[in-house]
Amino acid sequence: MEKKIPYKITEEIVRFAFEVYIGRFAKKWSILFTNPTAGPWKKIVLNTGETSMEIGRYKREEKRPDLILFLKDPAICIVVEAKDAFNKINNEDQIEKSFSVFKKERKRIQEHSAFNTFINKDIHFINSYLWYDTTAKNIDTLKNSYFRQHVNEGHLLCIVGTKKDGNLCFKGELVAKNEALLNKKVAKAIEELFQTS
C-alpha cells in the first residue's frame, strides 16, 4: 500500500505550478517575470524565438508582482498577484497593495520604448489574482470586492488552482465590472489559455 505524504499548498507551489502549466500548455505566452523565493527576481525580460529584451529591473526592496505573462497577438500583458488562499487576497489592504503594483508595472511596460516598438500595437493590460482553493466559487466575491475599490478598472483575471486527481489544475475567468466592455479578442485568448486545464 502506498503511503500518502501530507503537504500544504503554499503560494510558491501555486505560482510555480501555474508557470509549469504555462510552459506545457500555453506556448504562445511568454513569462516576462517570475518572483520565486531566492530566485532570479531582478529582471523583467521578454524571451521569444524572435528576440530577448530586458524591460526593467527591480530594486532589492521594491514591491513586485509574482508573475508577469505576455502574449504578442493580441498584445496582452497579465500582471499576477499569487496567494495560497482566497482570504489572503480578498481584503481591502491586499487589494490596494496589489493594485499599486499592477499600476506601477503597467506604467513601466508602457514607457519601455523598445518593447513597444517591437510589439507595435496597443497592449491590453489585465490585473490578475492567482490562488488555491478547493472550489472556484469565490470568483464573484473577489470581483465585487475589487471593482468596489477600483470602479474604473477594465478587466480582472481570476485564476484558481484546484486539485484534480492529485494534480493542480487551473481555471481562469476574465471578469469586468461591465461585461459589455470585455474585448472579444482578449476574452478569446484568455479562454484558450485555460482550455487544457
N, C-alpha and C. Protein backbone atom coordinates (compact mmCIF):
# COMPACT_ATOMS: atom_id res chain seq x y z
N MET A 1 0.84 -1.19 0.00
CA MET A 1 0.00 0.00 0.00
C MET A 1 0.88 1.25 0.00
N GLU A 2 0.55 2.19 -0.88
CA GLU A 2 1.32 3.42 -0.99
C GLU A 2 0.95 4.38 0.14
N LYS A 3 1.95 4.91 0.81
CA LYS A 3 1.72 5.85 1.91
C LYS A 3 1.62 7.26 1.33
N LYS A 4 0.55 7.97 1.67
CA LYS A 4 0.37 9.34 1.21
C LYS A 4 1.07 10.29 2.18
N ILE A 5 1.83 11.19 1.64
CA ILE A 5 2.53 12.18 2.45
C ILE A 5 1.71 13.46 2.43
N PRO A 6 1.32 13.95 3.61
CA PRO A 6 0.53 15.19 3.64
C PRO A 6 1.42 16.39 3.26
N TYR A 7 0.83 17.33 2.59
CA TYR A 7 1.55 18.56 2.24
C TYR A 7 0.58 19.72 2.21
N LYS A 8 1.14 20.91 2.34
CA LYS A 8 0.34 22.13 2.33
C LYS A 8 0.59 22.85 1.01
N ILE A 9 -0.46 23.32 0.39
CA ILE A 9 -0.33 24.11 -0.84
C ILE A 9 0.06 25.53 -0.42
N THR A 10 1.24 25.96 -0.82
CA THR A 10 1.71 27.30 -0.48
C THR A 10 1.57 28.21 -1.70
N GLU A 11 1.75 29.50 -1.46
CA GLU A 11 1.74 30.48 -2.55
C GLU A 11 2.78 30.11 -3.61
N GLU A 12 3.95 29.70 -3.14
CA GLU A 12 5.05 29.32 -4.05
C GLU A 12 4.67 28.13 -4.92
N ILE A 13 4.02 27.14 -4.35
CA ILE A 13 3.60 25.96 -5.12
C ILE A 13 2.56 26.35 -6.16
N VAL A 14 1.59 27.16 -5.76
CA VAL A 14 0.54 27.59 -6.71
C VAL A 14 1.17 28.36 -7.87
N ARG A 15 2.05 29.32 -7.56
CA ARG A 15 2.67 30.12 -8.61
C ARG A 15 3.52 29.24 -9.53
N PHE A 16 4.35 28.38 -8.95
CA PHE A 16 5.24 27.55 -9.76
C PHE A 16 4.44 26.55 -10.61
N ALA A 17 3.40 25.96 -10.04
CA ALA A 17 2.57 25.02 -10.80
C ALA A 17 1.91 25.73 -11.98
N PHE A 18 1.50 26.98 -11.77
CA PHE A 18 0.90 27.74 -12.87
C PHE A 18 1.94 28.04 -13.95
N GLU A 19 3.17 28.34 -13.55
CA GLU A 19 4.25 28.55 -14.53
C GLU A 19 4.48 27.29 -15.35
N VAL A 20 4.49 26.14 -14.70
CA VAL A 20 4.67 24.86 -15.40
C VAL A 20 3.51 24.66 -16.38
N TYR A 21 2.30 24.97 -15.93
CA TYR A 21 1.12 24.88 -16.80
C TYR A 21 1.32 25.76 -18.04
N ILE A 22 1.78 27.00 -17.85
CA ILE A 22 2.01 27.90 -18.99
C ILE A 22 3.04 27.29 -19.93
N GLY A 23 4.14 26.80 -19.38
CA GLY A 23 5.19 26.20 -20.20
C GLY A 23 4.74 24.98 -20.99
N ARG A 24 3.84 24.20 -20.41
CA ARG A 24 3.37 22.97 -21.08
C ARG A 24 2.24 23.21 -22.06
N PHE A 25 1.28 24.06 -21.68
CA PHE A 25 0.05 24.15 -22.44
C PHE A 25 -0.20 25.49 -23.13
N ALA A 26 0.58 26.49 -22.83
CA ALA A 26 0.33 27.83 -23.38
C ALA A 26 1.61 28.38 -24.01
N LYS A 27 2.10 27.71 -25.00
CA LYS A 27 3.41 28.02 -25.59
C LYS A 27 3.47 29.39 -26.27
N LYS A 28 2.33 29.95 -26.61
CA LYS A 28 2.32 31.29 -27.23
C LYS A 28 2.61 32.39 -26.21
N TRP A 29 2.42 32.06 -24.94
CA TRP A 29 2.61 33.04 -23.87
C TRP A 29 4.06 33.04 -23.40
N SER A 30 4.57 34.22 -23.07
CA SER A 30 5.92 34.37 -22.51
C SER A 30 5.80 34.76 -21.04
N ILE A 31 6.71 34.25 -20.23
CA ILE A 31 6.80 34.69 -18.83
C ILE A 31 7.85 35.78 -18.81
N LEU A 32 7.40 37.03 -18.64
CA LEU A 32 8.33 38.17 -18.59
C LEU A 32 9.06 38.22 -17.26
N PHE A 33 8.35 37.79 -16.21
CA PHE A 33 8.93 37.88 -14.87
C PHE A 33 8.27 36.86 -13.97
N THR A 34 9.07 36.28 -13.08
CA THR A 34 8.56 35.43 -12.02
C THR A 34 9.31 35.79 -10.74
N ASN A 35 8.66 35.65 -9.63
CA ASN A 35 9.23 36.08 -8.36
C ASN A 35 9.40 34.88 -7.42
N PRO A 36 10.28 33.93 -7.78
CA PRO A 36 10.46 32.76 -6.92
C PRO A 36 11.26 33.10 -5.67
N THR A 37 11.02 32.36 -4.62
CA THR A 37 11.79 32.53 -3.40
C THR A 37 13.26 32.27 -3.70
N ALA A 38 14.12 33.20 -3.35
CA ALA A 38 15.58 33.10 -3.54
C ALA A 38 15.96 32.82 -5.00
N GLY A 39 15.16 33.35 -5.93
CA GLY A 39 15.42 33.09 -7.34
C GLY A 39 15.83 34.34 -8.09
N PRO A 40 15.83 34.27 -9.43
CA PRO A 40 16.25 35.39 -10.27
C PRO A 40 15.15 36.45 -10.37
N TRP A 41 14.93 37.17 -9.29
CA TRP A 41 13.82 38.09 -9.16
C TRP A 41 14.10 39.48 -9.73
N LYS A 42 15.27 39.73 -10.22
CA LYS A 42 15.68 41.09 -10.51
C LYS A 42 15.21 41.64 -11.86
N LYS A 43 15.20 40.84 -12.92
CA LYS A 43 14.96 41.35 -14.27
C LYS A 43 13.58 40.98 -14.81
N ILE A 44 13.03 41.92 -15.60
CA ILE A 44 11.84 41.66 -16.40
C ILE A 44 12.35 41.51 -17.82
N VAL A 45 12.17 40.32 -18.44
CA VAL A 45 12.78 40.03 -19.74
C VAL A 45 11.76 39.36 -20.66
N LEU A 46 11.74 39.81 -21.92
CA LEU A 46 10.97 39.14 -22.95
C LEU A 46 11.93 38.22 -23.70
N ASN A 47 11.67 36.92 -23.67
CA ASN A 47 12.46 35.94 -24.42
C ASN A 47 11.52 35.23 -25.38
N THR A 48 11.73 35.41 -26.66
CA THR A 48 10.97 34.68 -27.67
C THR A 48 11.98 34.16 -28.67
N GLY A 49 11.53 33.42 -29.63
CA GLY A 49 12.42 33.00 -30.71
C GLY A 49 12.92 34.19 -31.51
N GLU A 50 12.16 35.27 -31.49
CA GLU A 50 12.49 36.47 -32.25
C GLU A 50 13.49 37.38 -31.54
N THR A 51 13.36 37.47 -30.22
CA THR A 51 14.14 38.48 -29.51
C THR A 51 14.32 38.12 -28.03
N SER A 52 15.31 38.76 -27.43
CA SER A 52 15.49 38.75 -25.99
C SER A 52 15.71 40.20 -25.59
N MET A 53 14.85 40.70 -24.72
CA MET A 53 14.90 42.12 -24.39
C MET A 53 14.64 42.34 -22.91
N GLU A 54 15.53 43.07 -22.25
CA GLU A 54 15.30 43.44 -20.86
C GLU A 54 14.36 44.64 -20.82
N ILE A 55 13.27 44.49 -20.08
CA ILE A 55 12.27 45.55 -19.99
C ILE A 55 12.47 46.38 -18.74
N GLY A 56 13.04 45.80 -17.71
CA GLY A 56 13.27 46.55 -16.48
C GLY A 56 13.95 45.69 -15.44
N ARG A 57 14.32 46.34 -14.33
CA ARG A 57 14.95 45.67 -13.19
C ARG A 57 14.29 46.17 -11.91
N TYR A 58 14.21 45.28 -10.95
CA TYR A 58 13.68 45.64 -9.65
C TYR A 58 14.82 45.97 -8.69
N LYS A 59 14.56 46.96 -7.86
CA LYS A 59 15.49 47.23 -6.77
C LYS A 59 15.25 46.17 -5.70
N ARG A 60 16.21 45.99 -4.84
CA ARG A 60 16.16 44.91 -3.85
C ARG A 60 14.87 44.89 -3.02
N GLU A 61 14.45 46.02 -2.52
CA GLU A 61 13.28 46.08 -1.64
C GLU A 61 12.01 46.55 -2.35
N GLU A 62 12.06 46.68 -3.65
CA GLU A 62 10.91 47.17 -4.42
C GLU A 62 9.77 46.14 -4.42
N LYS A 63 8.54 46.63 -4.29
CA LYS A 63 7.38 45.75 -4.39
C LYS A 63 7.28 45.27 -5.83
N ARG A 64 7.02 43.97 -5.99
CA ARG A 64 6.94 43.41 -7.33
C ARG A 64 5.83 42.36 -7.38
N PRO A 65 5.33 42.10 -8.59
CA PRO A 65 4.28 41.08 -8.70
C PRO A 65 4.89 39.68 -8.57
N ASP A 66 4.05 38.68 -8.56
CA ASP A 66 4.53 37.31 -8.51
C ASP A 66 4.83 36.76 -9.89
N LEU A 67 4.15 37.30 -10.89
CA LEU A 67 4.30 36.78 -12.24
C LEU A 67 3.82 37.84 -13.23
N ILE A 68 4.51 37.94 -14.38
CA ILE A 68 4.03 38.77 -15.48
C ILE A 68 4.06 37.90 -16.73
N LEU A 69 2.90 37.79 -17.38
CA LEU A 69 2.76 37.00 -18.60
C LEU A 69 2.51 37.92 -19.78
N PHE A 70 2.94 37.48 -20.97
CA PHE A 70 2.73 38.31 -22.16
C PHE A 70 2.39 37.44 -23.36
N LEU A 71 1.43 37.90 -24.12
CA LEU A 71 1.04 37.29 -25.40
C LEU A 71 1.17 38.36 -26.46
N LYS A 72 1.86 38.05 -27.57
CA LYS A 72 2.11 39.07 -28.59
C LYS A 72 0.88 39.39 -29.44
N ASP A 73 0.08 38.37 -29.77
CA ASP A 73 -1.06 38.64 -30.65
C ASP A 73 -2.30 37.90 -30.18
N PRO A 74 -3.33 38.62 -29.72
CA PRO A 74 -3.36 40.05 -29.49
C PRO A 74 -2.45 40.41 -28.31
N ALA A 75 -1.93 41.61 -28.30
CA ALA A 75 -0.96 42.01 -27.27
C ALA A 75 -1.65 42.12 -25.91
N ILE A 76 -1.33 41.15 -25.04
CA ILE A 76 -1.92 41.09 -23.70
C ILE A 76 -0.80 40.94 -22.68
N CYS A 77 -0.86 41.74 -21.64
CA CYS A 77 0.09 41.62 -20.53
C CYS A 77 -0.72 41.40 -19.26
N ILE A 78 -0.45 40.28 -18.59
CA ILE A 78 -1.15 39.93 -17.36
C ILE A 78 -0.17 40.05 -16.19
N VAL A 79 -0.52 40.89 -15.23
CA VAL A 79 0.29 41.06 -14.03
C VAL A 79 -0.43 40.31 -12.90
N VAL A 80 0.27 39.34 -12.31
CA VAL A 80 -0.36 38.39 -11.39
C VAL A 80 0.14 38.56 -9.96
N GLU A 81 -0.79 38.58 -9.03
CA GLU A 81 -0.52 38.51 -7.60
C GLU A 81 -1.01 37.14 -7.14
N ALA A 82 -0.13 36.35 -6.55
CA ALA A 82 -0.48 34.99 -6.12
C ALA A 82 -0.53 34.89 -4.60
N LYS A 83 -1.46 34.09 -4.12
CA LYS A 83 -1.57 33.78 -2.70
C LYS A 83 -1.98 32.31 -2.57
N ASP A 84 -1.75 31.74 -1.40
CA ASP A 84 -2.12 30.34 -1.22
C ASP A 84 -3.57 30.14 -0.82
N ALA A 85 -4.26 31.23 -0.48
CA ALA A 85 -5.66 31.09 -0.07
C ALA A 85 -6.44 32.36 -0.41
N PHE A 86 -7.71 32.17 -0.67
CA PHE A 86 -8.58 33.27 -1.07
C PHE A 86 -8.63 34.38 -0.03
N ASN A 87 -8.70 34.03 1.26
CA ASN A 87 -8.83 35.05 2.31
C ASN A 87 -7.62 35.98 2.38
N LYS A 88 -6.48 35.56 1.81
CA LYS A 88 -5.30 36.43 1.80
C LYS A 88 -5.34 37.44 0.66
N ILE A 89 -6.23 37.24 -0.28
CA ILE A 89 -6.40 38.18 -1.40
C ILE A 89 -7.59 39.10 -1.14
N ASN A 90 -8.68 38.55 -0.68
CA ASN A 90 -9.94 39.28 -0.60
C ASN A 90 -10.06 40.12 0.67
N ASN A 91 -9.20 41.12 0.78
CA ASN A 91 -9.34 42.13 1.83
C ASN A 91 -8.85 43.45 1.28
N GLU A 92 -9.38 44.54 1.80
CA GLU A 92 -9.10 45.87 1.24
C GLU A 92 -7.62 46.19 1.18
N ASP A 93 -6.87 45.89 2.23
CA ASP A 93 -5.44 46.21 2.26
C ASP A 93 -4.68 45.48 1.16
N GLN A 94 -4.94 44.19 1.00
CA GLN A 94 -4.23 43.42 -0.02
C GLN A 94 -4.62 43.87 -1.43
N ILE A 95 -5.88 44.15 -1.64
CA ILE A 95 -6.32 44.63 -2.96
C ILE A 95 -5.62 45.94 -3.28
N GLU A 96 -5.49 46.83 -2.31
CA GLU A 96 -4.79 48.11 -2.53
C GLU A 96 -3.31 47.90 -2.82
N LYS A 97 -2.65 47.04 -2.03
CA LYS A 97 -1.23 46.76 -2.26
C LYS A 97 -1.03 46.19 -3.65
N SER A 98 -1.84 45.23 -4.02
CA SER A 98 -1.72 44.62 -5.35
C SER A 98 -1.99 45.64 -6.44
N PHE A 99 -3.00 46.47 -6.25
CA PHE A 99 -3.36 47.44 -7.27
C PHE A 99 -2.22 48.42 -7.52
N SER A 100 -1.52 48.84 -6.47
CA SER A 100 -0.39 49.76 -6.67
C SER A 100 0.72 49.09 -7.47
N VAL A 101 0.93 47.78 -7.26
CA VAL A 101 1.92 47.03 -8.05
C VAL A 101 1.44 46.89 -9.50
N PHE A 102 0.16 46.57 -9.70
CA PHE A 102 -0.38 46.46 -11.05
C PHE A 102 -0.16 47.76 -11.83
N LYS A 103 -0.48 48.87 -11.17
CA LYS A 103 -0.37 50.19 -11.81
C LYS A 103 1.08 50.52 -12.17
N LYS A 104 1.99 50.23 -11.25
CA LYS A 104 3.42 50.50 -11.47
C LYS A 104 3.96 49.68 -12.64
N GLU A 105 3.58 48.41 -12.71
CA GLU A 105 4.07 47.55 -13.79
C GLU A 105 3.50 47.97 -15.14
N ARG A 106 2.25 48.37 -15.17
CA ARG A 106 1.64 48.86 -16.41
C ARG A 106 2.43 50.07 -16.92
N LYS A 107 2.72 51.00 -16.02
CA LYS A 107 3.45 52.21 -16.40
C LYS A 107 4.86 51.85 -16.89
N ARG A 108 5.54 50.94 -16.18
CA ARG A 108 6.90 50.54 -16.56
C ARG A 108 6.91 49.99 -17.99
N ILE A 109 5.98 49.10 -18.29
CA ILE A 109 5.95 48.46 -19.61
C ILE A 109 5.50 49.44 -20.68
N GLN A 110 4.52 50.29 -20.38
CA GLN A 110 4.07 51.28 -21.36
C GLN A 110 5.17 52.27 -21.72
N GLU A 111 6.07 52.54 -20.78
CA GLU A 111 7.12 53.53 -21.02
C GLU A 111 8.39 52.94 -21.62
N HIS A 112 8.43 51.63 -21.85
CA HIS A 112 9.62 50.99 -22.43
C HIS A 112 9.51 51.05 -23.95
N SER A 113 10.19 52.00 -24.55
CA SER A 113 10.01 52.28 -25.98
C SER A 113 10.42 51.12 -26.88
N ALA A 114 11.53 50.44 -26.61
CA ALA A 114 11.98 49.34 -27.47
C ALA A 114 10.96 48.19 -27.45
N PHE A 115 10.41 47.89 -26.27
CA PHE A 115 9.41 46.84 -26.15
C PHE A 115 8.17 47.21 -26.96
N ASN A 116 7.72 48.45 -26.82
CA ASN A 116 6.52 48.88 -27.52
C ASN A 116 6.73 48.96 -29.03
N THR A 117 7.96 49.30 -29.45
CA THR A 117 8.28 49.29 -30.88
C THR A 117 8.23 47.86 -31.41
N PHE A 118 8.78 46.92 -30.65
CA PHE A 118 8.76 45.51 -31.04
C PHE A 118 7.32 44.99 -31.15
N ILE A 119 6.48 45.34 -30.19
CA ILE A 119 5.09 44.87 -30.18
C ILE A 119 4.29 45.57 -31.27
N ASN A 120 4.48 46.88 -31.42
CA ASN A 120 3.88 47.68 -32.47
C ASN A 120 2.35 47.68 -32.45
N LYS A 121 1.77 47.60 -31.28
CA LYS A 121 0.31 47.71 -31.14
C LYS A 121 -0.01 48.01 -29.68
N ASP A 122 -1.23 48.43 -29.44
CA ASP A 122 -1.65 48.70 -28.07
C ASP A 122 -1.70 47.40 -27.27
N ILE A 123 -1.22 47.49 -26.03
CA ILE A 123 -1.20 46.32 -25.16
C ILE A 123 -2.41 46.38 -24.23
N HIS A 124 -3.10 45.26 -24.13
CA HIS A 124 -4.21 45.13 -23.17
C HIS A 124 -3.62 44.64 -21.86
N PHE A 125 -3.70 45.46 -20.83
CA PHE A 125 -3.18 45.09 -19.51
C PHE A 125 -4.31 44.50 -18.67
N ILE A 126 -4.02 43.39 -18.03
CA ILE A 126 -5.01 42.73 -17.20
C ILE A 126 -4.40 42.47 -15.82
N ASN A 127 -5.07 42.97 -14.81
CA ASN A 127 -4.68 42.68 -13.43
C ASN A 127 -5.23 41.31 -13.08
N SER A 128 -4.45 40.53 -12.31
CA SER A 128 -4.87 39.16 -12.06
C SER A 128 -4.49 38.69 -10.66
N TYR A 129 -5.35 37.86 -10.11
CA TYR A 129 -5.07 37.18 -8.85
C TYR A 129 -5.09 35.67 -9.10
N LEU A 130 -4.13 34.99 -8.48
CA LEU A 130 -3.99 33.54 -8.56
C LEU A 130 -4.01 33.01 -7.14
N TRP A 131 -4.86 32.01 -6.87
CA TRP A 131 -4.90 31.43 -5.53
C TRP A 131 -5.33 29.97 -5.61
N TYR A 132 -5.08 29.27 -4.51
CA TYR A 132 -5.51 27.88 -4.38
C TYR A 132 -6.82 27.84 -3.61
N ASP A 133 -7.72 26.97 -4.04
CA ASP A 133 -8.98 26.79 -3.33
C ASP A 133 -9.50 25.39 -3.66
N THR A 134 -10.34 24.87 -2.82
CA THR A 134 -10.91 23.55 -3.10
C THR A 134 -12.00 23.65 -4.16
N THR A 135 -12.54 24.86 -4.36
CA THR A 135 -13.53 25.10 -5.42
C THR A 135 -13.21 26.43 -6.08
N ALA A 136 -13.90 26.74 -7.14
CA ALA A 136 -13.69 28.03 -7.81
C ALA A 136 -14.86 28.97 -7.53
N LYS A 137 -15.49 28.82 -6.38
CA LYS A 137 -16.72 29.56 -6.09
C LYS A 137 -16.50 31.02 -5.67
N ASN A 138 -15.28 31.42 -5.35
CA ASN A 138 -15.04 32.76 -4.80
C ASN A 138 -14.79 33.85 -5.84
N ILE A 139 -14.85 33.52 -7.11
CA ILE A 139 -14.55 34.50 -8.15
C ILE A 139 -15.50 35.70 -8.09
N ASP A 140 -16.80 35.47 -7.95
CA ASP A 140 -17.75 36.58 -7.88
C ASP A 140 -17.51 37.45 -6.65
N THR A 141 -17.13 36.83 -5.54
CA THR A 141 -16.84 37.59 -4.33
C THR A 141 -15.65 38.53 -4.56
N LEU A 142 -14.57 38.01 -5.16
CA LEU A 142 -13.40 38.84 -5.44
C LEU A 142 -13.74 39.93 -6.45
N LYS A 143 -14.48 39.59 -7.48
CA LYS A 143 -14.89 40.57 -8.49
C LYS A 143 -15.59 41.75 -7.81
N ASN A 144 -16.55 41.45 -6.93
CA ASN A 144 -17.30 42.52 -6.26
C ASN A 144 -16.39 43.36 -5.37
N SER A 145 -15.50 42.73 -4.61
CA SER A 145 -14.58 43.47 -3.73
C SER A 145 -13.65 44.35 -4.55
N TYR A 146 -13.09 43.79 -5.61
CA TYR A 146 -12.11 44.51 -6.43
C TYR A 146 -12.75 45.72 -7.11
N PHE A 147 -13.87 45.53 -7.78
CA PHE A 147 -14.48 46.63 -8.51
C PHE A 147 -15.16 47.64 -7.59
N ARG A 148 -15.46 47.27 -6.36
CA ARG A 148 -15.95 48.24 -5.39
C ARG A 148 -14.84 49.26 -5.08
N GLN A 149 -13.59 48.78 -5.01
CA GLN A 149 -12.45 49.65 -4.72
C GLN A 149 -11.89 50.32 -5.97
N HIS A 150 -12.03 49.68 -7.12
CA HIS A 150 -11.42 50.20 -8.36
C HIS A 150 -12.45 50.22 -9.48
N VAL A 151 -13.36 51.17 -9.35
CA VAL A 151 -14.52 51.28 -10.22
C VAL A 151 -14.13 51.42 -11.69
N ASN A 152 -13.06 52.13 -11.99
CA ASN A 152 -12.72 52.43 -13.38
C ASN A 152 -11.79 51.41 -14.04
N GLU A 153 -11.45 50.36 -13.37
CA GLU A 153 -10.59 49.33 -13.98
C GLU A 153 -11.41 48.50 -14.95
N GLY A 154 -10.77 48.12 -16.06
CA GLY A 154 -11.49 47.40 -17.09
C GLY A 154 -11.68 45.93 -16.81
N HIS A 155 -10.60 45.20 -16.63
CA HIS A 155 -10.66 43.74 -16.53
C HIS A 155 -9.98 43.24 -15.26
N LEU A 156 -10.37 42.07 -14.86
CA LEU A 156 -9.71 41.35 -13.77
C LEU A 156 -9.72 39.87 -14.15
N LEU A 157 -8.56 39.23 -14.09
CA LEU A 157 -8.47 37.81 -14.37
C LEU A 157 -8.31 37.07 -13.04
N CYS A 158 -9.27 36.22 -12.74
CA CYS A 158 -9.21 35.39 -11.53
C CYS A 158 -8.76 34.00 -11.94
N ILE A 159 -7.64 33.53 -11.36
CA ILE A 159 -7.10 32.21 -11.66
C ILE A 159 -7.12 31.39 -10.38
N VAL A 160 -7.82 30.28 -10.41
CA VAL A 160 -7.95 29.43 -9.23
C VAL A 160 -7.30 28.09 -9.51
N GLY A 161 -6.39 27.71 -8.63
CA GLY A 161 -5.79 26.38 -8.70
C GLY A 161 -6.56 25.45 -7.80
N THR A 162 -7.00 24.32 -8.33
CA THR A 162 -7.71 23.32 -7.54
C THR A 162 -7.08 21.95 -7.78
N LYS A 163 -7.26 21.04 -6.84
CA LYS A 163 -6.72 19.69 -7.00
C LYS A 163 -7.71 18.83 -7.80
N LYS A 164 -7.16 18.09 -8.75
CA LYS A 164 -7.96 17.14 -9.53
C LYS A 164 -7.08 15.92 -9.76
N ASP A 165 -7.51 14.79 -9.24
CA ASP A 165 -6.74 13.54 -9.36
C ASP A 165 -5.30 13.70 -8.87
N GLY A 166 -5.13 14.46 -7.80
CA GLY A 166 -3.80 14.65 -7.21
C GLY A 166 -2.95 15.72 -7.88
N ASN A 167 -3.45 16.35 -8.94
CA ASN A 167 -2.70 17.40 -9.64
C ASN A 167 -3.36 18.75 -9.42
N LEU A 168 -2.58 19.81 -9.55
CA LEU A 168 -3.15 21.15 -9.53
C LEU A 168 -3.62 21.49 -10.94
N CYS A 169 -4.87 21.88 -11.06
CA CYS A 169 -5.45 22.31 -12.33
C CYS A 169 -5.87 23.76 -12.16
N PHE A 170 -5.96 24.48 -13.27
CA PHE A 170 -6.24 25.91 -13.18
C PHE A 170 -7.48 26.29 -13.98
N LYS A 171 -8.28 27.13 -13.36
CA LYS A 171 -9.45 27.71 -14.01
C LYS A 171 -9.23 29.21 -14.01
N GLY A 172 -9.42 29.82 -15.15
CA GLY A 172 -9.29 31.27 -15.24
C GLY A 172 -10.58 31.87 -15.73
N GLU A 173 -10.96 32.97 -15.11
CA GLU A 173 -12.16 33.67 -15.54
C GLU A 173 -11.86 35.16 -15.64
N LEU A 174 -12.04 35.70 -16.85
CA LEU A 174 -11.86 37.12 -17.10
C LEU A 174 -13.18 37.80 -16.79
N VAL A 175 -13.14 38.76 -15.87
CA VAL A 175 -14.36 39.45 -15.47
C VAL A 175 -14.17 40.95 -15.65
N ALA A 176 -15.29 41.64 -15.76
CA ALA A 176 -15.28 43.10 -15.87
C ALA A 176 -16.45 43.63 -15.07
N LYS A 177 -16.34 44.88 -14.64
CA LYS A 177 -17.47 45.49 -13.93
C LYS A 177 -18.69 45.50 -14.84
N ASN A 178 -18.43 45.78 -16.11
CA ASN A 178 -19.48 45.75 -17.12
C ASN A 178 -19.04 44.75 -18.19
N GLU A 179 -19.69 43.61 -18.25
CA GLU A 179 -19.30 42.54 -19.18
C GLU A 179 -19.28 43.01 -20.63
N ALA A 180 -20.07 44.03 -20.98
CA ALA A 180 -20.11 44.54 -22.35
C ALA A 180 -18.76 45.17 -22.74
N LEU A 181 -17.93 45.52 -21.75
CA LEU A 181 -16.64 46.15 -22.02
C LEU A 181 -15.53 45.15 -22.33
N LEU A 182 -15.80 43.84 -22.20
CA LEU A 182 -14.78 42.84 -22.47
C LEU A 182 -14.43 42.84 -23.96
N ASN A 183 -13.16 43.01 -24.27
CA ASN A 183 -12.67 42.93 -25.63
C ASN A 183 -12.76 41.47 -26.08
N LYS A 184 -13.42 41.22 -27.21
CA LYS A 184 -13.67 39.84 -27.65
C LYS A 184 -12.39 39.07 -27.97
N LYS A 185 -11.40 39.71 -28.60
CA LYS A 185 -10.14 39.02 -28.91
C LYS A 185 -9.38 38.67 -27.63
N VAL A 186 -9.38 39.59 -26.69
CA VAL A 186 -8.70 39.36 -25.41
C VAL A 186 -9.42 38.23 -24.66
N ALA A 187 -10.74 38.29 -24.62
CA ALA A 187 -11.51 37.26 -23.92
C ALA A 187 -11.27 35.89 -24.55
N LYS A 188 -11.19 35.83 -25.86
CA LYS A 188 -10.95 34.55 -26.55
C LYS A 188 -9.55 34.02 -26.22
N ALA A 189 -8.54 34.89 -26.21
CA ALA A 189 -7.17 34.48 -25.89
C ALA A 189 -7.08 33.95 -24.46
N ILE A 190 -7.79 34.58 -23.53
CA ILE A 190 -7.79 34.12 -22.13
C ILE A 190 -8.53 32.79 -22.03
N GLU A 191 -9.64 32.65 -22.73
CA GLU A 191 -10.37 31.38 -22.73
C GLU A 191 -9.49 30.25 -23.26
N GLU A 192 -8.75 30.51 -24.33
CA GLU A 192 -7.85 29.50 -24.90
C GLU A 192 -6.73 29.13 -23.94
N LEU A 193 -6.27 30.08 -23.15
CA LEU A 193 -5.21 29.83 -22.18
C LEU A 193 -5.61 28.74 -21.19
N PHE A 194 -6.90 28.64 -20.89
CA PHE A 194 -7.36 27.70 -19.87
C PHE A 194 -8.11 26.49 -20.43
N GLN A 195 -8.09 26.29 -21.72
CA GLN A 195 -8.84 25.18 -22.32
C GLN A 195 -8.25 23.82 -21.99
N THR A 196 -6.98 23.73 -21.70
CA THR A 196 -6.36 22.42 -21.46
C THR A 196 -6.42 21.99 -20.00
N SER A 197 -6.84 22.86 -19.10
CA SER A 197 -6.82 22.52 -17.66
C SER A 197 -8.08 21.80 -17.24
